[in-house]
Amino acid sequence: MPTMRYVLLQDAGQLSVVEMPASHAYQLSALNLRLHKEIDKLTADSVPKLPYAIGECNDLELHDASIQIIGGLDYINDLERAFSAIQETAYPLISLLTEIRALQAQLEQWYEEEMDVEA
């Protein structure tokens, strides 16, 4: 069984948890910080709201049933869709999309390899 790590995301008091392969959790946290650093530079009207990465942990036991654990690939796919839908003209959005898509490709490969191991 692969080792998973959890990235805690917070937006306006709402907590989200993303389950990531331990080898890739830091990349999601770093990507989140980078996106927050650049998101204010975007001039488009439809910039997605982005939660803040507030922590990571190895083990997680939730006592609040309203908090769902989101799969890492599902989260990054949603993030890619949200950022690719931005109609930006003044800022080179392609660099942010490239970083999102790089992590997306790594996760797709990781999950594919895990499926092969389990089969």
C-alpha atoms as a PDB file:
ATOM      1  CA  MET A   1       0.000   0.000   0.000  1.00  0.00           C
ATOM      2  CA  PRO A   2       1.437   3.394  -0.996  1.00  0.00           C
ATOM      3  CA  THR A   3       2.249   6.000   1.601  1.00  0.00           C
ATOM      4  CA  MET A   4      -0.117   8.937   1.396  1.00  0.00           C
ATOM      5  CA  ARG A   5       0.162  12.416   2.836  1.00  0.00           C
ATOM      6  CA  TYR A   6      -2.570  14.963   3.413  1.00  0.00           C
ATOM      7  CA  VAL A   7      -2.445  18.617   2.403  1.00  0.00           C
ATOM      8  CA  LEU A   8      -4.735  20.844   4.445  1.00  0.00           C
ATOM      9  CA  LEU A   9      -6.303  23.733   2.546  1.00  0.00           C
ATOM     10  CA  GLN A  10      -8.280  26.583   4.069  1.00  0.00           C
ATOM     11  CA  ASP A  11     -10.460  29.226   2.490  1.00  0.00           C
ATOM     12  CA  ALA A  12     -12.563  31.601   4.578  1.00  0.00           C
ATOM     13  CA  GLY A  13     -12.720  29.169   7.470  1.00  0.00           C
ATOM     14  CA  GLN A  14     -13.627  26.219   5.226  1.00  0.00           C
ATOM     15  CA  LEU A  15     -11.189  23.313   5.514  1.00  0.00           C
ATOM     16  CA  SER A  16     -10.419  20.942   2.645  1.00  0.00           C
ATOM     17  CA  VAL A  17      -8.124  17.938   2.688  1.00  0.00           C
ATOM     18  CA  VAL A  18      -6.293  16.640  -0.378  1.00  0.00           C
ATOM     19  CA  GLU A  19      -4.833  13.140  -0.250  1.00  0.00           C
ATOM     20  CA  MET A  20      -1.567  12.993  -2.159  1.00  0.00           C
ATOM     21  CA  PRO A  21       1.177  10.441  -2.644  1.00  0.00           C
ATOM     22  CA  ALA A  22       3.771  11.252   0.025  1.00  0.00           C
ATOM     23  CA  SER A  23       6.317  11.839  -2.720  1.00  0.00           C
ATOM     24  CA  HIS A  24       4.181  14.601  -4.283  1.00  0.00           C
ATOM     25  CA  ALA A  25       2.462  16.376  -1.365  1.00  0.00           C
ATOM     26  CA  TYR A  26       5.160  19.007  -1.023  1.00  0.00           C
ATOM     27  CA  GLN A  27       4.787  19.818  -4.723  1.00  0.00           C
ATOM     28  CA  LEU A  28       1.095  20.594  -4.225  1.00  0.00           C
ATOM     29  CA  SER A  29       1.897  22.853  -1.266  1.00  0.00           C
ATOM     30  CA  ALA A  30       4.633  24.624  -3.242  1.00  0.00           C
ATOM     31  CA  LEU A  31       2.347  24.996  -6.265  1.00  0.00           C
ATOM     32  CA  ASN A  32      -0.345  26.490  -4.043  1.00  0.00           C
ATOM     33  CA  LEU A  33       2.103  29.049  -2.647  1.00  0.00           C
ATOM     34  CA  ARG A  34       3.319  29.930  -6.148  1.00  0.00           C
ATOM     35  CA  LEU A  35      -0.234  30.359  -7.450  1.00  0.00           C
ATOM     36  CA  HIS A  36      -1.072  32.639  -4.520  1.00  0.00           C
ATOM     37  CA  LYS A  37       2.029  34.688  -5.233  1.00  0.00           C
ATOM     38  CA  GLU A  38       0.952  35.207  -8.847  1.00  0.00           C
ATOM     39  CA  ILE A  39      -2.869  35.193  -8.707  1.00  0.00           C
ATOM     40  CA  ASP A  40      -3.116  38.893  -7.812  1.00  0.00           C
ATOM     41  CA  LYS A  41      -1.298  39.724 -11.046  1.00  0.00           C
ATOM     42  CA  LEU A  42      -4.092  38.209 -13.135  1.00  0.00           C
ATOM     43  CA  THR A  43      -6.420  40.793 -14.642  1.00  0.00           C
ATOM     44  CA  ALA A  44      -9.178  38.521 -15.964  1.00  0.00           C
ATOM     45  CA  ASP A  45     -12.676  38.753 -14.520  1.00  0.00           C
ATOM     46  CA  SER A  46     -13.022  35.040 -13.786  1.00  0.00           C
ATOM     47  CA  VAL A  47      -9.982  34.234 -11.641  1.00  0.00           C
ATOM     48  CA  PRO A  48     -10.790  31.155  -9.515  1.00  0.00           C
ATOM     49  CA  LYS A  49     -10.841  31.403  -5.750  1.00  0.00           C
ATOM     50  CA  LEU A  50      -7.892  29.493  -4.364  1.00  0.00           C
ATOM     51  CA  PRO A  51      -7.625  28.113  -0.822  1.00  0.00           C
ATOM     52  CA  TYR A  52      -4.374  28.433   1.125  1.00  0.00           C
ATOM     53  CA  ALA A  53      -2.227  25.401   1.903  1.00  0.00           C
ATOM     54  CA  ILE A  54      -1.948  25.594   5.685  1.00  0.00           C
ATOM     55  CA  GLY A  55      -0.252  22.309   6.489  1.00  0.00           C
ATOM     56  CA  GLU A  56       0.607  18.722   5.686  1.00  0.00           C
ATOM     57  CA  CYS A  57       0.402  15.571   7.738  1.00  0.00           C
ATOM     58  CA  ASN A  58       1.036  11.861   7.336  1.00  0.00           C
ATOM     59  CA  ASP A  59      -1.892  10.516   9.309  1.00  0.00           C
ATOM     60  CA  LEU A  60      -5.341  11.977   9.465  1.00  0.00           C
ATOM     61  CA  GLU A  61      -8.374  11.040  11.470  1.00  0.00           C
ATOM     62  CA  LEU A  62     -11.301  13.336  10.796  1.00  0.00           C
ATOM     63  CA  HIS A  63     -14.019  13.770  13.399  1.00  0.00           C
ATOM     64  CA  ASP A  64     -16.126  16.143  11.312  1.00  0.00           C
ATOM     65  CA  ALA A  65     -18.099  14.267   8.669  1.00  0.00           C
ATOM     66  CA  SER A  66     -18.610  17.456   6.668  1.00  0.00           C
ATOM     67  CA  ILE A  67     -14.918  17.550   5.721  1.00  0.00           C
ATOM     68  CA  GLN A  68     -14.268  15.362   2.721  1.00  0.00           C
ATOM     69  CA  ILE A  69     -10.936  14.020   1.583  1.00  0.00           C
ATOM     70  CA  ILE A  70     -10.317  14.926  -2.047  1.00  0.00           C
ATOM     71  CA  GLY A  71      -8.101  12.725  -4.211  1.00  0.00           C
ATOM     72  CA  GLY A  72      -4.937  14.467  -5.378  1.00  0.00           C
ATOM     73  CA  LEU A  73      -5.513  13.814  -9.067  1.00  0.00           C
ATOM     74  CA  ASP A  74      -9.142  14.971  -8.807  1.00  0.00           C
ATOM     75  CA  TYR A  75      -8.007  18.178  -7.099  1.00  0.00           C
ATOM     76  CA  ILE A  76      -5.272  18.947  -9.629  1.00  0.00           C
ATOM     77  CA  ASN A  77      -7.616  18.167 -12.556  1.00  0.00           C
ATOM     78  CA  ASP A  78     -10.168  20.643 -11.155  1.00  0.00           C
ATOM     79  CA  LEU A  79      -7.385  23.199 -10.631  1.00  0.00           C
ATOM     80  CA  GLU A  80      -6.196  22.762 -14.220  1.00  0.00           C
ATOM     81  CA  ARG A  81      -9.735  23.195 -15.574  1.00  0.00           C
ATOM     82  CA  ALA A  82     -10.265  26.330 -13.492  1.00  0.00           C
ATOM     83  CA  PHE A  83      -7.012  27.972 -14.575  1.00  0.00           C
ATOM     84  CA  SER A  84      -7.296  26.954 -18.234  1.00  0.00           C
ATOM     85  CA  ALA A  85     -10.724  28.654 -18.350  1.00  0.00           C
ATOM     86  CA  ILE A  86      -9.241  32.038 -17.377  1.00  0.00           C
ATOM     87  CA  GLN A  87      -9.349  34.524 -20.252  1.00  0.00           C
ATOM     88  CA  GLU A  88      -6.155  36.387 -19.372  1.00  0.00           C
ATOM     89  CA  THR A  89      -4.535  38.892 -21.714  1.00  0.00           C
ATOM     90  CA  ALA A  90      -2.143  40.936 -19.561  1.00  0.00           C
ATOM     91  CA  TYR A  91      -0.251  38.209 -17.708  1.00  0.00           C
ATOM     92  CA  PRO A  92       1.520  35.134 -19.105  1.00  0.00           C
ATOM     93  CA  LEU A  93      -0.841  32.548 -17.629  1.00  0.00           C
ATOM     94  CA  ILE A  94       0.905  29.787 -19.555  1.00  0.00           C
ATOM     95  CA  SER A  95       3.695  29.529 -16.961  1.00  0.00           C
ATOM     96  CA  LEU A  96       1.172  28.829 -14.183  1.00  0.00           C
ATOM     97  CA  LEU A  97      -0.677  26.326 -16.347  1.00  0.00           C
ATOM     98  CA  THR A  98       2.621  24.633 -17.180  1.00  0.00           C
ATOM     99  CA  GLU A  99       3.346  24.126 -13.478  1.00  0.00           C
ATOM    100  CA  ILE A 100      -0.154  22.790 -12.823  1.00  0.00           C
ATOM    101  CA  ARG A 101       0.047  20.435 -15.799  1.00  0.00           C
ATOM    102  CA  ALA A 102       3.494  19.189 -14.804  1.00  0.00           C
ATOM    103  CA  LEU A 103       2.181  18.059 -11.414  1.00  0.00           C
ATOM    104  CA  GLN A 104      -0.915  16.673 -13.129  1.00  0.00           C
ATOM    105  CA  ALA A 105       1.253  14.527 -15.435  1.00  0.00           C
ATOM    106  CA  GLN A 106       3.367  13.304 -12.517  1.00  0.00           C
ATOM    107  CA  LEU A 107       0.253  12.287 -10.594  1.00  0.00           C
ATOM    108  CA  GLU A 108      -1.251  10.532 -13.612  1.00  0.00           C
ATOM    109  CA  GLN A 109       1.966   8.552 -14.009  1.00  0.00           C
ATOM    110  CA  TRP A 110       2.106   7.757 -10.286  1.00  0.00           C
ATOM    111  CA  TYR A 111      -1.482   6.470 -10.225  1.00  0.00           C
ATOM    112  CA  GLU A 112      -0.905   4.479 -13.416  1.00  0.00           C
ATOM    113  CA  GLU A 113       2.173   2.819 -11.899  1.00  0.00           C
ATOM    114  CA  GLU A 114       0.255   2.066  -8.683  1.00  0.00           C
ATOM    115  CA  MET A 115      -2.535   0.431 -10.690  1.00  0.00           C
ATOM    116  CA  ASP A 116       0.064  -1.755 -12.441  1.00  0.00           C
ATOM    117  CA  VAL A 117       1.567  -2.808  -9.102  1.00  0.00           C
ATOM    118  CA  GLU A 118      -1.854  -3.699  -7.668  1.00  0.00           C
ATOM    119  CA  ALA A 119      -2.841  -5.726 -10.751  1.00  0.00           C
END
